[in-house]
Amino acid sequence: MPVVTIQMEKGRSLEMKRALADAVTTAVAGTLDVPSDWVTLIIDEVERDNWAVGGRLQLDKLGPGYGRAGVDDTSGRS
């Protein structure tokens, strides 16, 4: 029974997490040739003030929310 853990910044919608669970489960089940019911996915959400990359907190680098520049910004700012 495969167990997949995904760590990501907190804030994504329930709809996004459902889509992620479906996509990951389908990929793992197909790749490992096991039933989808055998695949467990754990989503571990982390606040930006508890996540640092390159010595900088993600909160300081990207602001609040999730994604490249916050919840509603998909401009690609980094």
Protein backbone atom coordinates (compact mmCIF):
# COMPACT_ATOMS: atom_id res chain seq x y z
CA MET A 1 0.00 0.00 0.00
CA PRO A 2 1.80 3.14 -1.20
CA VAL A 3 1.70 6.20 1.02
CA VAL A 4 2.46 9.58 -0.56
CA THR A 5 3.05 12.70 1.53
CA ILE A 6 2.88 16.13 -0.05
CA GLN A 7 4.09 19.13 1.91
CA MET A 8 2.83 22.44 0.60
CA GLU A 9 2.01 25.92 1.76
CA LYS A 10 -1.30 26.28 3.52
CA GLY A 11 -4.19 28.02 1.84
CA ARG A 12 -5.30 26.05 -1.18
CA SER A 13 -9.00 25.38 -1.58
CA LEU A 14 -10.72 22.10 -0.83
CA GLU A 15 -11.46 21.82 -4.56
CA MET A 16 -7.74 22.07 -5.38
CA LYS A 17 -6.86 19.45 -2.77
CA ARG A 18 -9.53 17.10 -4.14
CA ALA A 19 -8.08 17.51 -7.64
CA LEU A 20 -4.57 16.89 -6.31
CA ALA A 21 -5.69 13.75 -4.46
CA ASP A 22 -7.37 12.42 -7.58
CA ALA A 23 -4.40 13.14 -9.86
CA VAL A 24 -1.78 11.73 -7.49
CA THR A 25 -3.86 8.63 -6.74
CA THR A 26 -4.41 7.95 -10.43
CA ALA A 27 -0.70 8.39 -11.23
CA VAL A 28 0.54 6.22 -8.36
CA ALA A 29 -2.01 3.46 -8.91
CA GLY A 30 -1.26 3.35 -12.63
CA THR A 31 2.51 3.47 -12.24
CA LEU A 32 2.65 0.81 -9.50
CA ASP A 33 -0.19 -1.29 -10.95
CA VAL A 34 -2.20 -1.31 -7.72
CA PRO A 35 -5.86 -0.52 -7.05
CA SER A 36 -6.61 3.14 -6.30
CA ASP A 37 -8.04 2.08 -2.93
CA TRP A 38 -4.55 1.05 -1.87
CA VAL A 39 -3.08 4.53 -2.35
CA THR A 40 -2.95 6.83 0.68
CA LEU A 41 -2.22 10.54 0.26
CA ILE A 42 -1.30 12.76 3.20
CA ILE A 43 -1.40 16.50 2.60
CA ASP A 44 0.75 18.33 5.12
CA GLU A 45 0.03 22.07 4.98
CA VAL A 46 2.64 24.46 6.34
CA GLU A 47 2.24 28.16 7.11
CA ARG A 48 4.62 30.44 5.19
CA ASP A 49 6.08 31.71 8.45
CA ASN A 50 7.22 28.12 9.17
CA TRP A 51 8.85 27.49 5.76
CA ALA A 52 12.17 28.90 4.58
CA VAL A 53 13.99 28.51 1.27
CA GLY A 54 17.52 29.79 0.82
CA GLY A 55 17.55 31.20 4.34
CA ARG A 56 14.44 33.37 3.80
CA LEU A 57 10.99 32.74 5.16
CA GLN A 58 8.48 32.23 2.39
CA LEU A 59 6.28 34.81 4.11
CA ASP A 60 9.00 37.45 3.67
CA LYS A 61 9.82 36.38 0.14
CA LEU A 62 6.32 35.90 -1.28
CA GLY A 63 3.88 37.49 1.16
CA PRO A 64 0.80 35.83 2.62
CA GLY A 65 -1.24 33.18 0.83
CA TYR A 66 0.09 30.46 -1.45
CA GLY A 67 1.53 30.23 -4.94
CA ARG A 68 4.27 32.37 -6.37
CA ALA A 69 3.06 35.71 -5.08
CA GLY A 70 0.05 35.04 -2.92
CA VAL A 71 -3.43 33.64 -3.26
CA ASP A 72 -4.75 35.73 -6.15
CA ASP A 73 -1.52 36.59 -7.98
CA THR A 74 -0.28 34.31 -10.74
CA SER A 75 2.07 36.86 -12.31
CA GLY A 76 5.13 34.74 -11.59
CA ARG A 77 6.82 37.19 -9.23
CA SER A 78 9.56 35.57 -7.16
